[in-house]
């Protein structure tokens, strides 16, 4: 898992794409079976994709996990989808880590942000 400061991905000029991956872990939440290492590797790998804009993640104590990856265009998203290591991690996720998941891909047509200024 990433150890970056908690901060949302900034708004980008539309259009761009968002891939929303929502999952429920199996009873074994990945501790001890490579999930953490694989997640860190995926974070490293995706940053090498031209057109990758960033990622937001949230996890609940009950095991719900949401990851939203942002990509400049469909080609960047396709490159990530087709990455060999990412494909292998997907297969492992279905075999070991996830009870269920959904993936939604959306074209972002509006984007804005807010940040409180501190003194």
C-alpha atoms as a PDB file:
ATOM      1  CA  UNK A   1       0.000   0.000   0.000  1.00  0.00           C
ATOM      2  CA  UNK A   2       1.087   3.518  -0.704  1.00  0.00           C
ATOM      3  CA  UNK A   3       2.499   5.634   2.112  1.00  0.00           C
ATOM      4  CA  UNK A   4       1.914   8.990   0.422  1.00  0.00           C
ATOM      5  CA  UNK A   5       0.220  11.867   2.272  1.00  0.00           C
ATOM      6  CA  UNK A   6      -3.561  11.696   2.186  1.00  0.00           C
ATOM      7  CA  UNK A   7      -4.503  13.955  -0.689  1.00  0.00           C
ATOM      8  CA  UNK A   8      -6.904  13.396  -3.583  1.00  0.00           C
ATOM      9  CA  UNK A   9      -5.679  13.327  -7.155  1.00  0.00           C
ATOM     10  CA  UNK A  10      -6.033  16.898  -8.426  1.00  0.00           C
ATOM     11  CA  UNK A  11      -8.652  17.846 -10.988  1.00  0.00           C
ATOM     12  CA  UNK A  12      -7.457  17.539 -14.583  1.00  0.00           C
ATOM     13  CA  UNK A  13      -8.702  19.088 -17.791  1.00  0.00           C
ATOM     14  CA  UNK A  14     -11.416  16.808 -19.213  1.00  0.00           C
ATOM     15  CA  UNK A  15     -11.960  14.607 -20.966  1.00  0.00           C
ATOM     16  CA  UNK A  16     -10.030  11.783 -19.343  1.00  0.00           C
ATOM     17  CA  UNK A  17     -10.877   8.344 -17.985  1.00  0.00           C
ATOM     18  CA  UNK A  18     -11.462   6.897 -14.541  1.00  0.00           C
ATOM     19  CA  UNK A  19     -11.234   3.178 -13.796  1.00  0.00           C
ATOM     20  CA  UNK A  20     -13.103   2.441 -10.556  1.00  0.00           C
ATOM     21  CA  UNK A  21     -12.161  -0.897  -8.988  1.00  0.00           C
ATOM     22  CA  UNK A  22     -14.266  -1.865  -5.965  1.00  0.00           C
ATOM     23  CA  UNK A  23     -13.497  -5.105  -4.164  1.00  0.00           C
ATOM     24  CA  UNK A  24     -14.326  -7.204  -1.149  1.00  0.00           C
ATOM     25  CA  UNK A  25     -11.455  -9.257   0.178  1.00  0.00           C
ATOM     26  CA  UNK A  26     -11.709 -12.896   1.110  1.00  0.00           C
ATOM     27  CA  UNK A  27     -11.462 -13.738   4.799  1.00  0.00           C
ATOM     28  CA  UNK A  28      -7.697 -13.725   4.288  1.00  0.00           C
ATOM     29  CA  UNK A  29      -7.120 -10.008   3.651  1.00  0.00           C
ATOM     30  CA  UNK A  30      -3.828 -10.606   1.870  1.00  0.00           C
ATOM     31  CA  UNK A  31      -1.633 -10.467   4.945  1.00  0.00           C
ATOM     32  CA  UNK A  32       1.136 -12.969   4.509  1.00  0.00           C
ATOM     33  CA  UNK A  33       0.221 -14.049   0.991  1.00  0.00           C
ATOM     34  CA  UNK A  34       1.792 -11.329  -1.085  1.00  0.00           C
ATOM     35  CA  UNK A  35      -1.041  -8.841  -1.504  1.00  0.00           C
ATOM     36  CA  UNK A  36       0.850  -5.869  -0.047  1.00  0.00           C
ATOM     37  CA  UNK A  37       3.944  -6.476  -2.153  1.00  0.00           C
ATOM     38  CA  UNK A  38       1.854  -6.947  -5.281  1.00  0.00           C
ATOM     39  CA  UNK A  39      -0.147  -3.778  -4.617  1.00  0.00           C
ATOM     40  CA  UNK A  40       3.077  -1.795  -4.181  1.00  0.00           C
ATOM     41  CA  UNK A  41       4.465  -3.241  -7.421  1.00  0.00           C
ATOM     42  CA  UNK A  42       1.267  -2.305  -9.286  1.00  0.00           C
ATOM     43  CA  UNK A  43       1.561   1.272  -7.977  1.00  0.00           C
ATOM     44  CA  UNK A  44       5.141   1.425  -9.288  1.00  0.00           C
ATOM     45  CA  UNK A  45       4.215  -0.106 -12.650  1.00  0.00           C
ATOM     46  CA  UNK A  46       1.205   2.073 -13.408  1.00  0.00           C
ATOM     47  CA  UNK A  47       3.285   5.226 -12.938  1.00  0.00           C
ATOM     48  CA  UNK A  48       5.322   4.225 -16.018  1.00  0.00           C
ATOM     49  CA  UNK A  49       2.234   4.333 -18.258  1.00  0.00           C
ATOM     50  CA  UNK A  50       2.253   7.490 -20.408  1.00  0.00           C
ATOM     51  CA  UNK A  51      -1.033   9.232 -19.671  1.00  0.00           C
ATOM     52  CA  UNK A  52      -1.421   7.923 -16.115  1.00  0.00           C
ATOM     53  CA  UNK A  53      -2.733  10.803 -13.992  1.00  0.00           C
ATOM     54  CA  UNK A  54      -2.911   9.316 -10.508  1.00  0.00           C
ATOM     55  CA  UNK A  55      -4.854   7.092  -8.159  1.00  0.00           C
ATOM     56  CA  UNK A  56      -7.196   7.504  -5.200  1.00  0.00           C
ATOM     57  CA  UNK A  57      -7.755   4.646  -2.730  1.00  0.00           C
ATOM     58  CA  UNK A  58     -10.004   4.017   0.254  1.00  0.00           C
ATOM     59  CA  UNK A  59     -10.455   0.990   2.493  1.00  0.00           C
ATOM     60  CA  UNK A  60     -13.080   0.252   5.118  1.00  0.00           C
ATOM     61  CA  UNK A  61     -12.540  -1.835   8.251  1.00  0.00           C
ATOM     62  CA  UNK A  62     -15.098  -4.311   6.863  1.00  0.00           C
ATOM     63  CA  UNK A  63     -12.948  -5.145   3.840  1.00  0.00           C
ATOM     64  CA  UNK A  64     -14.393  -2.922   1.115  1.00  0.00           C
ATOM     65  CA  UNK A  65     -11.654  -1.406  -1.005  1.00  0.00           C
ATOM     66  CA  UNK A  66     -12.053   1.227  -3.717  1.00  0.00           C
ATOM     67  CA  UNK A  67      -9.272   2.226  -6.085  1.00  0.00           C
ATOM     68  CA  UNK A  68      -9.816   4.843  -8.769  1.00  0.00           C
ATOM     69  CA  UNK A  69      -7.132   5.175 -11.427  1.00  0.00           C
ATOM     70  CA  UNK A  70      -7.159   8.211 -13.706  1.00  0.00           C
ATOM     71  CA  UNK A  71      -5.861   8.088 -17.276  1.00  0.00           C
ATOM     72  CA  UNK A  72      -5.510  10.827 -19.905  1.00  0.00           C
ATOM     73  CA  UNK A  73      -6.967   8.706 -22.731  1.00  0.00           C
ATOM     74  CA  UNK A  74      -8.287   5.292 -23.685  1.00  0.00           C
ATOM     75  CA  UNK A  75      -4.872   4.232 -25.013  1.00  0.00           C
ATOM     76  CA  UNK A  76      -3.262   4.762 -21.589  1.00  0.00           C
ATOM     77  CA  UNK A  77      -6.035   2.786 -19.917  1.00  0.00           C
ATOM     78  CA  UNK A  78      -5.672  -0.022 -22.464  1.00  0.00           C
ATOM     79  CA  UNK A  79      -1.914  -0.133 -21.934  1.00  0.00           C
ATOM     80  CA  UNK A  80      -2.499  -0.578 -18.195  1.00  0.00           C
ATOM     81  CA  UNK A  81      -5.201  -3.206 -18.755  1.00  0.00           C
ATOM     82  CA  UNK A  82      -2.903  -5.193 -21.055  1.00  0.00           C
ATOM     83  CA  UNK A  83       0.261  -4.969 -18.918  1.00  0.00           C
ATOM     84  CA  UNK A  84       1.585  -8.511 -18.372  1.00  0.00           C
ATOM     85  CA  UNK A  85       2.369  -8.074 -14.662  1.00  0.00           C
ATOM     86  CA  UNK A  86      -0.986  -6.395 -14.080  1.00  0.00           C
ATOM     87  CA  UNK A  87      -2.749  -9.315 -15.809  1.00  0.00           C
ATOM     88  CA  UNK A  88      -0.901 -11.780 -13.556  1.00  0.00           C
ATOM     89  CA  UNK A  89      -1.914  -9.771 -10.461  1.00  0.00           C
ATOM     90  CA  UNK A  90      -5.545  -9.814 -11.642  1.00  0.00           C
ATOM     91  CA  UNK A  91      -5.454 -13.598 -11.944  1.00  0.00           C
ATOM     92  CA  UNK A  92      -3.914 -13.928  -8.501  1.00  0.00           C
ATOM     93  CA  UNK A  93      -6.554 -11.597  -7.090  1.00  0.00           C
ATOM     94  CA  UNK A  94      -9.353 -13.778  -8.435  1.00  0.00           C
ATOM     95  CA  UNK A  95      -7.635 -16.915  -7.119  1.00  0.00           C
ATOM     96  CA  UNK A  96      -6.609 -15.671  -3.662  1.00  0.00           C
ATOM     97  CA  UNK A  97      -7.508 -12.159  -2.519  1.00  0.00           C
ATOM     98  CA  UNK A  98     -10.960 -11.141  -3.735  1.00  0.00           C
ATOM     99  CA  UNK A  99     -14.326 -12.500  -2.741  1.00  0.00           C
ATOM    100  CA  UNK A 100     -15.869 -10.258  -5.396  1.00  0.00           C
ATOM    101  CA  UNK A 101     -15.114  -7.096  -7.320  1.00  0.00           C
ATOM    102  CA  UNK A 102     -16.503  -4.687  -9.879  1.00  0.00           C
ATOM    103  CA  UNK A 103     -14.743  -2.531 -12.410  1.00  0.00           C
ATOM    104  CA  UNK A 104     -16.363   0.571 -13.860  1.00  0.00           C
ATOM    105  CA  UNK A 105     -14.660   2.614 -16.565  1.00  0.00           C
ATOM    106  CA  UNK A 106     -15.984   6.117 -17.108  1.00  0.00           C
ATOM    107  CA  UNK A 107     -15.116   9.079 -19.281  1.00  0.00           C
ATOM    108  CA  UNK A 108     -14.751  12.144 -17.068  1.00  0.00           C
ATOM    109  CA  UNK A 109     -16.487  15.137 -18.592  1.00  0.00           C
ATOM    110  CA  UNK A 110     -16.276  17.495 -15.627  1.00  0.00           C
ATOM    111  CA  UNK A 111     -13.553  17.898 -13.026  1.00  0.00           C
ATOM    112  CA  UNK A 112     -12.984  20.459 -10.313  1.00  0.00           C
ATOM    113  CA  UNK A 113     -11.191  20.656  -7.001  1.00  0.00           C
ATOM    114  CA  UNK A 114     -10.975  22.628  -3.784  1.00  0.00           C
ATOM    115  CA  UNK A 115      -8.182  23.022  -1.285  1.00  0.00           C
ATOM    116  CA  UNK A 116      -8.497  25.053   1.905  1.00  0.00           C
ATOM    117  CA  UNK A 117      -5.699  27.543   2.293  1.00  0.00           C
ATOM    118  CA  UNK A 118      -4.026  27.348   5.707  1.00  0.00           C
ATOM    119  CA  UNK A 119      -2.247  30.239   7.411  1.00  0.00           C
END
